[in-house]
Structure formats: C-alpha cells, structure tokens
Amino acid sequence: MPTAKPITKLTCIVLTLFCLGCKHRNIVKHNGEKDLISFKPVFGISYTEIARRTQNGLSFNNFGYQLEPQWKMQFVSNDSTSIYSPTKKQFINFPLTRGYDSIFNTARTWLKVKTMTKDSMIIELLNAYADSVDTRGAKVYMVFYADNYIKNILRGDISLCKSPSRRDSVYIQRLANAADKDFEKGFAARQPVELRSKSASITISKRHTEPTMLNNFDTSYDYMNPEFDITVNNAYSNFYYSFSIFVDPTGQMHYGKPLTVFLEESRRISYTHLSKAVMESYLKYYLNLIPGKTLGITHTSEIAVHVTGRVRSEKLQKSSLLSSLP
C-alpha cells in the first residue's frame, strides 16, 4: 500500500484557495436567504482553524497585527458552541445567538457563515459598533477544516498551512523599509522590544494581559502595545511620567508622545519636555534595548513606558554624607 505524501506549503495554499473559491454543496441552509441559520447538520463536529486571511490573502495588516488561526470549535446546539482555550487548555462553552442572513454571535464575536460542510467551513469576521453590526463584513476570513478531515484525508502536519506566506514576508519588509525612513511609521513587532537594565538602581517589569472570558482569552495586546513599568531609584526627584518610545532597528530610542490627557497646552508642553529629559538621561544611559522583529525582520516599533522616580531616602542620604566625611 503506498504511503500518504506529506502535506506541503503549496498544497496548503491550493487547499485554502479551493475552499475560498469553489462552490461546495452547502449543508447549512442559508444561500443568501434572509433566514435563521441552523447548525444542526454539523452538531458535534470538531473544526480547527487552519488559516486566517484578509481579502488580499495577507495575514498581516499595516499595523503589524498578525491574523493567526487560533480557533478550535464545535457547534453543540443552535444556541451553544464549544471553543478551545489554549490558555486554559480546555474547551469552554459559549452561548450562541443566531441572526438573519447567516450571521451569528458567539464568544463575544460577530461572525457570518460563508460556506459550511462536514469537512470545512469559511467564516467571515464582522465589525460591531455598540448595538449595531456591520453586515458588510470586515473582509477577514477564517478557514476551518474538520478534525476528521485533517486526520483521515490530509494525513499530514498542518503547521505549514498556518505559517505566514512569502507574500507576508515581502509585505513586512516593505513596512520595515518605510519605518527606517520615518520612525513614526513603526509598527507592532511579533517579537516585541525587550528592555534590560544596566544598573541595580533601575528595575523593569512588563505588563501582561490577563486572559479572561471578557477578552476571549486574547493576549495579542501584549505584542501590539507593549507596556513597561520602570522604576528609577536614587533619582534626583520624585516623579511619574507615561510616554511612548519608538525603538529603531539599532536599539536607539526616539521620543513618541505623552500618554496622558491635558486640559492646558502649557501643561502638555512642560510634561513633554520633562518626560523627554527622563528618557534622554536615565533611560538612554541605564537601559539596553533589543529591537522588535517580525518574521525575522528587525524593524522600528513603538512601546509605552511608565517611569517612576524615587529620591534616595533622607536616612540613606545622611548615611552617605557621613561616610564621605574625613
């Protein structure tokens, strides 16, 4: 008996395009009709997302956000889904609300079925604003294969299907080239900037998003908007400043903007001047920065810092003064 050939990157692309382009016999009744969609024919079938792409086929947008295939799901009933949480390492049940024209809501997300069979499905993400939903779609498509189809038909590792394409690499390189010429065009790095202290007087902690049901266990904020708390001990005065910094491919800092609201322009100018001085003195001298990367390409990206300055205590100051006396 001949052995099954391993799946290749080209095979994945062809299969994905086939799913997007061909007309399957759709076992979920809607076909453009304004009816309530029913998932009864696919109850209990486990699906794994193998690709997430925009309409132009890219998995990145111009902010550096990567559209990663993440979902594993099954329709338990017409009012319930079970979605796998990689953080919790278990399936979690979510209520499902059906709308007209193949639209439904689950896991706090509005979606629209494009095609669905027992082997595969394509679902489009929808944008929601307050109490309204844009039914025209966000032009972002989630491609799923049934687990049985992956196991019995593909007979191979689908990790290649999930990985970014060469078109993605070309696109990221173009964004990186633009950011090299203008650091304000920096974009989020898939491997975010790292900060390391060169002095015991400087401590750093990175903020992390706690995965919860409220954010659908999504922690992508951590790489889209990296935030750091920095404490400067033995500072010249007590202070607290929040501002953004652009970190270029060489690890150099460029002041971004204050991250606070001002009622007076004079206050904004003063705050910017003082916080920039903190960056130019303490941060540039006492921090090592490792620039961010996306798909192996080092590029400019923006981070947020919240810097606290603490003066040396009076007791320590006196002790230091006495030790300097003859």
Protein backbone atom coordinates (compact mmCIF):
# COMPACT_ATOMS: atom_id res chain seq x y z
CA MET A 1 0.00 0.00 0.00
CA PRO A 2 1.50 3.39 -0.97
CA THR A 3 2.11 5.79 1.90
CA ALA A 4 0.40 9.16 2.00
CA LYS A 5 2.54 12.06 0.87
CA PRO A 6 3.26 14.73 3.50
CA ILE A 7 1.36 17.93 3.10
CA THR A 8 3.38 20.83 1.67
CA LYS A 9 3.10 24.60 1.83
CA LEU A 10 1.91 24.69 -1.79
CA THR A 11 -0.71 22.04 -1.02
CA CYS A 12 -1.97 24.14 1.89
CA ILE A 13 -2.28 27.21 -0.30
CA VAL A 14 -4.10 25.29 -3.01
CA LEU A 15 -6.48 23.74 -0.48
CA THR A 16 -7.20 27.11 1.12
CA LEU A 17 -7.84 28.77 -2.22
CA PHE A 18 -10.01 25.82 -3.17
CA CYS A 19 -12.10 26.35 -0.04
CA LEU A 20 -12.39 30.07 -0.72
CA GLY A 21 -13.06 29.82 -4.41
CA CYS A 22 -15.13 26.73 -5.18
CA LYS A 23 -18.80 26.06 -4.54
CA HIS A 24 -19.30 23.21 -2.08
CA ARG A 25 -22.70 21.71 -1.53
CA ASN A 26 -23.56 23.80 1.48
CA ILE A 27 -25.30 21.65 4.05
CA VAL A 28 -26.18 24.65 6.22
CA LYS A 29 -29.27 26.24 4.73
CA HIS A 30 -28.93 29.92 4.04
CA ASN A 31 -27.59 30.53 0.49
CA GLY A 32 -28.13 34.25 0.74
CA GLU A 33 -31.65 33.91 2.06
CA LYS A 34 -32.80 36.03 4.99
CA ASP A 35 -33.45 33.05 7.21
CA LEU A 36 -32.23 32.00 10.65
CA ILE A 37 -29.19 29.81 10.11
CA SER A 38 -29.28 26.28 11.54
CA PHE A 39 -26.17 24.35 12.58
CA LYS A 40 -27.98 21.07 13.21
CA PRO A 41 -26.27 19.20 10.31
CA VAL A 42 -22.83 19.86 11.88
CA PHE A 43 -23.60 19.38 15.58
CA GLY A 44 -20.66 17.76 17.39
CA ILE A 45 -18.15 18.10 14.52
CA SER A 46 -14.83 19.50 15.74
CA TYR A 47 -13.27 22.10 13.44
CA THR A 48 -9.74 23.54 13.57
CA GLU A 49 -8.89 26.92 12.04
CA ILE A 50 -6.01 26.42 9.59
CA ALA A 51 -5.79 29.91 8.06
CA ARG A 52 -6.94 33.46 8.67
CA ARG A 53 -6.51 35.91 5.83
CA THR A 54 -7.66 39.30 4.63
CA GLN A 55 -9.33 39.67 1.26
CA ASN A 56 -5.93 40.25 -0.40
CA GLY A 57 -4.57 36.99 1.02
CA LEU A 58 -2.22 38.54 3.61
CA SER A 59 -2.15 37.54 7.27
CA PHE A 60 -0.78 40.92 8.47
CA ASN A 61 -2.31 44.38 8.42
CA ASN A 62 -0.47 47.69 8.19
CA PHE A 63 -0.28 47.96 12.00
CA GLY A 64 1.72 44.74 12.16
CA TYR A 65 -1.16 42.73 13.55
CA GLN A 66 -0.91 39.07 12.60
CA LEU A 67 -4.13 37.26 11.79
CA GLU A 68 -3.28 33.94 13.36
CA PRO A 69 -5.54 30.90 13.04
CA GLN A 70 -6.42 30.18 16.66
CA TRP A 71 -9.88 28.74 16.99
CA LYS A 72 -10.94 25.15 17.58
CA MET A 73 -14.68 24.90 17.84
CA GLN A 74 -17.79 22.80 17.51
CA PHE A 75 -21.46 23.64 17.42
CA VAL A 76 -23.10 21.93 20.38
CA SER A 77 -26.58 23.18 19.53
CA ASN A 78 -28.24 26.12 17.82
CA ASP A 79 -27.68 28.19 20.93
CA SER A 80 -24.29 26.93 22.17
CA THR A 81 -20.72 26.49 20.93
CA SER A 82 -17.66 24.89 22.47
CA ILE A 83 -14.40 26.76 21.80
CA TYR A 84 -10.92 25.66 22.85
CA SER A 85 -8.87 27.99 25.02
CA PRO A 86 -5.10 27.46 24.51
CA THR A 87 -4.51 29.34 27.76
CA LYS A 88 -6.89 27.23 29.84
CA LYS A 89 -6.09 24.13 27.74
CA GLN A 90 -9.72 23.13 27.68
CA PHE A 91 -12.94 23.69 25.73
CA ILE A 92 -15.24 26.38 27.08
CA ASN A 93 -18.93 26.62 26.28
CA PHE A 94 -20.25 29.93 24.97
CA PRO A 95 -23.82 30.96 24.22
CA LEU A 96 -24.67 31.31 20.54
CA THR A 97 -27.13 33.87 19.20
CA ARG A 98 -28.38 33.42 15.66
CA GLY A 99 -29.22 36.29 13.36
CA TYR A 100 -30.54 36.52 9.84
CA ASP A 101 -28.54 36.10 6.65
CA SER A 102 -26.09 33.54 8.15
CA ILE A 103 -24.96 35.89 10.93
CA PHE A 104 -24.34 34.65 14.47
CA ASN A 105 -22.62 35.72 17.66
CA THR A 106 -20.52 33.60 19.99
CA ALA A 107 -17.56 34.24 22.29
CA ARG A 108 -18.39 37.96 22.11
CA THR A 109 -17.67 37.91 18.37
CA TRP A 110 -19.97 38.58 15.43
CA LEU A 111 -19.46 36.19 12.52
CA LYS A 112 -21.03 35.29 9.18
CA VAL A 113 -21.03 31.85 7.61
CA LYS A 114 -19.81 31.90 4.01
CA THR A 115 -19.70 28.13 3.44
CA MET A 116 -20.02 25.17 5.75
CA THR A 117 -19.85 21.43 5.15
CA LYS A 118 -18.94 18.44 7.29
CA ASP A 119 -15.34 18.78 6.03
CA SER A 120 -14.70 22.53 6.10
CA MET A 121 -16.13 25.95 6.69
CA ILE A 122 -15.30 29.57 5.93
CA ILE A 123 -16.48 32.23 8.35
CA GLU A 124 -16.10 35.99 7.93
CA LEU A 125 -15.47 38.27 10.90
CA LEU A 126 -17.87 41.19 11.30
CA ASN A 127 -17.28 44.57 12.91
CA ALA A 128 -19.61 45.62 15.71
CA TYR A 129 -20.17 49.16 16.95
CA ALA A 130 -22.13 49.48 20.20
CA ASP A 131 -25.51 47.90 19.41
CA SER A 132 -25.05 47.71 15.64
CA VAL A 133 -23.27 45.18 13.43
CA ASP A 134 -21.74 45.98 10.05
CA THR A 135 -23.09 43.12 7.94
CA ARG A 136 -20.83 44.07 5.02
CA GLY A 137 -18.06 42.18 6.82
CA ALA A 138 -14.51 43.02 7.85
CA LYS A 139 -13.10 41.11 4.84
CA VAL A 140 -11.20 38.83 7.21
CA TYR A 141 -11.83 35.15 6.66
CA MET A 142 -11.35 32.19 8.99
CA VAL A 143 -10.80 28.88 7.19
CA PHE A 144 -11.59 25.72 9.15
CA TYR A 145 -11.11 22.03 8.42
CA ALA A 146 -12.91 19.31 10.32
CA ASP A 147 -10.54 17.35 12.57
CA ASN A 148 -11.60 14.08 10.92
CA TYR A 149 -10.81 15.57 7.51
CA ILE A 150 -7.35 16.64 8.71
CA LYS A 151 -6.69 13.21 10.20
CA ASN A 152 -8.12 10.95 7.51
CA ILE A 153 -7.68 12.94 4.29
CA LEU A 154 -4.77 15.33 4.71
CA ARG A 155 -2.74 12.85 6.77
CA GLY A 156 -0.05 15.43 7.49
CA ASP A 157 1.17 18.28 9.65
CA ILE A 158 -0.94 21.40 9.02
CA SER A 159 1.56 23.71 10.75
CA LEU A 160 2.76 24.80 7.29
CA CYS A 161 -0.78 25.84 6.42
CA LYS A 162 -0.86 28.06 9.49
CA SER A 163 2.50 29.74 8.88
CA PRO A 164 2.83 33.12 7.09
CA SER A 165 3.46 33.11 3.35
CA ARG A 166 6.24 34.65 1.29
CA ARG A 167 3.81 37.44 0.38
CA ASP A 168 3.59 38.21 4.09
CA SER A 169 7.41 38.43 4.33
CA VAL A 170 7.58 40.78 1.34
CA TYR A 171 4.86 42.94 2.87
CA ILE A 172 6.58 43.16 6.27
CA GLN A 173 9.88 44.07 4.60
CA ARG A 174 8.14 46.92 2.79
CA LEU A 175 6.69 48.22 6.06
CA ALA A 176 10.13 47.93 7.70
CA ASN A 177 11.78 49.90 4.89
CA ALA A 178 9.23 52.70 5.29
CA ALA A 179 9.80 52.78 9.07
CA ASP A 180 13.57 53.03 8.52
CA LYS A 181 12.99 56.32 6.71
CA ASP A 182 10.42 57.63 9.20
CA PHE A 183 10.41 56.09 12.69
CA GLU A 184 6.82 57.30 13.24
CA LYS A 185 5.80 54.66 10.68
CA GLY A 186 6.98 51.96 13.06
CA PHE A 187 4.58 49.05 13.53
CA ALA A 188 3.95 46.33 16.10
CA ALA A 189 6.62 43.63 16.29
CA ARG A 190 5.63 39.98 16.52
CA GLN A 191 8.64 39.52 18.80
CA PRO A 192 8.32 42.75 20.81
CA VAL A 193 11.09 45.02 22.10
CA GLU A 194 12.95 43.79 25.17
CA LEU A 195 14.28 46.10 27.90
CA ARG A 196 17.24 45.21 30.09
CA SER A 197 18.67 47.24 32.93
CA LYS A 198 22.37 48.07 33.18
CA SER A 199 22.04 49.39 36.73
CA ALA A 200 20.79 47.97 40.01
CA SER A 201 19.04 51.30 40.52
CA ILE A 202 16.71 50.66 37.58
CA THR A 203 14.05 47.94 37.77
CA ILE A 204 11.78 46.90 34.90
CA SER A 205 8.57 44.90 34.74
CA LYS A 206 6.50 44.22 31.65
CA ARG A 207 2.73 44.42 31.85
CA HIS A 208 0.85 41.32 30.73
CA THR A 209 -2.73 40.93 29.62
CA GLU A 210 -4.67 38.52 31.76
CA PRO A 211 -6.63 36.12 29.53
CA THR A 212 -10.28 36.11 30.56
CA MET A 213 -13.68 35.47 29.01
CA LEU A 214 -14.10 39.25 28.68
CA ASN A 215 -11.24 39.42 26.14
CA ASN A 216 -11.94 35.96 24.67
CA PHE A 217 -8.62 34.82 26.18
CA ASP A 218 -6.89 37.04 23.61
CA THR A 219 -3.47 38.35 24.73
CA SER A 220 -2.44 39.90 21.40
CA TYR A 221 -2.43 43.32 23.13
CA ASP A 222 0.91 42.34 24.67
CA TYR A 223 2.66 42.44 21.34
CA MET A 224 0.53 45.11 19.68
CA ASN A 225 1.02 47.57 22.58
CA PRO A 226 3.95 46.51 24.79
CA GLU A 227 3.94 48.37 28.12
CA PHE A 228 6.69 48.56 30.72
CA ASP A 229 6.81 49.84 34.28
CA ILE A 230 10.23 51.30 35.06
CA THR A 231 11.36 52.42 38.50
CA VAL A 232 14.37 54.72 38.91
CA ASN A 233 15.74 54.55 42.44
CA ASN A 234 18.04 57.28 43.74
CA ALA A 235 16.50 59.74 41.28
CA TYR A 236 17.04 63.48 41.54
CA SER A 237 13.36 63.91 42.49
CA ASN A 238 10.11 62.03 42.82
CA PHE A 239 8.29 61.86 39.50
CA TYR A 240 5.97 59.77 37.34
CA TYR A 241 5.72 60.01 33.57
CA SER A 242 3.93 57.90 30.95
CA PHE A 243 5.00 58.24 27.33
CA SER A 244 5.73 56.22 24.23
CA ILE A 245 9.09 55.47 22.66
CA PHE A 246 9.98 54.35 19.15
CA VAL A 247 12.79 51.80 19.19
CA ASP A 248 14.66 51.61 15.87
CA PRO A 249 16.48 48.55 14.43
CA THR A 250 19.73 49.58 16.16
CA GLY A 251 18.05 49.74 19.58
CA GLN A 252 18.08 53.54 19.73
CA MET A 253 15.23 55.45 21.42
CA HIS A 254 13.12 58.16 19.83
CA TYR A 255 10.54 60.03 21.89
CA GLY A 256 6.97 59.37 20.82
CA LYS A 257 4.22 61.17 22.73
CA PRO A 258 2.87 61.67 26.26
CA LEU A 259 0.31 59.07 27.30
CA THR A 260 -1.92 61.31 29.37
CA VAL A 261 -4.64 63.88 28.83
CA PHE A 262 -4.00 67.62 29.24
CA LEU A 263 -6.53 70.36 29.74
CA GLU A 264 -3.99 73.09 29.03
CA GLU A 265 -1.46 73.28 26.20
CA SER A 266 1.19 74.73 28.51
CA ARG A 267 0.90 71.66 30.72
CA ARG A 268 1.38 69.37 27.73
CA ILE A 269 4.49 71.24 26.64
CA SER A 270 6.00 71.10 30.13
CA TYR A 271 5.15 67.41 30.55
CA THR A 272 6.67 66.54 27.18
CA HIS A 273 9.86 68.47 27.97
CA LEU A 274 10.34 66.82 31.38
CA SER A 275 9.46 63.28 30.29
CA LYS A 276 11.77 63.56 27.30
CA ALA A 277 14.55 64.63 29.68
CA VAL A 278 13.92 61.47 31.72
CA MET A 279 14.31 59.40 28.57
CA GLU A 280 17.46 61.22 27.46
CA SER A 281 19.10 60.85 30.87
CA TYR A 282 18.03 57.81 32.85
CA LEU A 283 16.65 55.52 30.14
CA LYS A 284 19.31 56.07 27.47
CA TYR A 285 22.14 55.65 29.94
CA TYR A 286 20.87 52.78 32.04
CA LEU A 287 18.88 50.58 29.64
CA ASN A 288 19.80 48.18 26.87
CA LEU A 289 17.09 47.75 24.27
CA ILE A 290 16.68 44.78 21.95
CA PRO A 291 14.61 45.94 18.96
CA GLY A 292 11.49 44.10 17.85
CA LYS A 293 11.25 41.62 14.99
CA THR A 294 8.57 40.26 12.70
CA LEU A 295 9.20 37.18 10.55
CA GLY A 296 12.91 37.55 11.35
CA ILE A 297 12.99 41.17 10.11
CA THR A 298 14.23 43.73 12.67
CA HIS A 299 12.25 46.97 12.45
CA THR A 300 11.11 50.08 14.31
CA SER A 301 8.24 49.61 16.73
CA GLU A 302 6.58 51.64 19.48
CA ILE A 303 6.39 50.80 23.18
CA ALA A 304 4.81 52.50 26.19
CA VAL A 305 6.74 53.21 29.37
CA HIS A 306 5.52 54.31 32.79
CA VAL A 307 8.53 55.71 34.63
CA THR A 308 8.57 56.30 38.39
CA GLY A 309 11.40 58.26 40.01
CA ARG A 310 12.17 57.86 43.69
CA VAL A 311 14.64 60.03 45.54
CA ARG A 312 17.06 58.45 47.98
CA SER A 313 15.57 58.38 51.49
CA GLU A 314 16.75 61.01 53.99
CA LYS A 315 18.28 58.29 56.16
CA LEU A 316 20.35 56.96 53.28
CA GLN A 317 21.32 60.49 52.27
CA LYS A 318 22.68 61.19 55.78
CA SER A 319 24.48 57.86 55.85
CA SER A 320 26.06 58.64 52.51
CA LEU A 321 27.05 62.11 53.73
CA LEU A 322 28.64 60.79 56.94
CA SER A 323 30.60 58.15 55.07
CA SER A 324 32.11 60.87 52.90
CA LEU A 325 33.38 62.87 55.89
CA PRO A 326 37.07 62.57 56.83
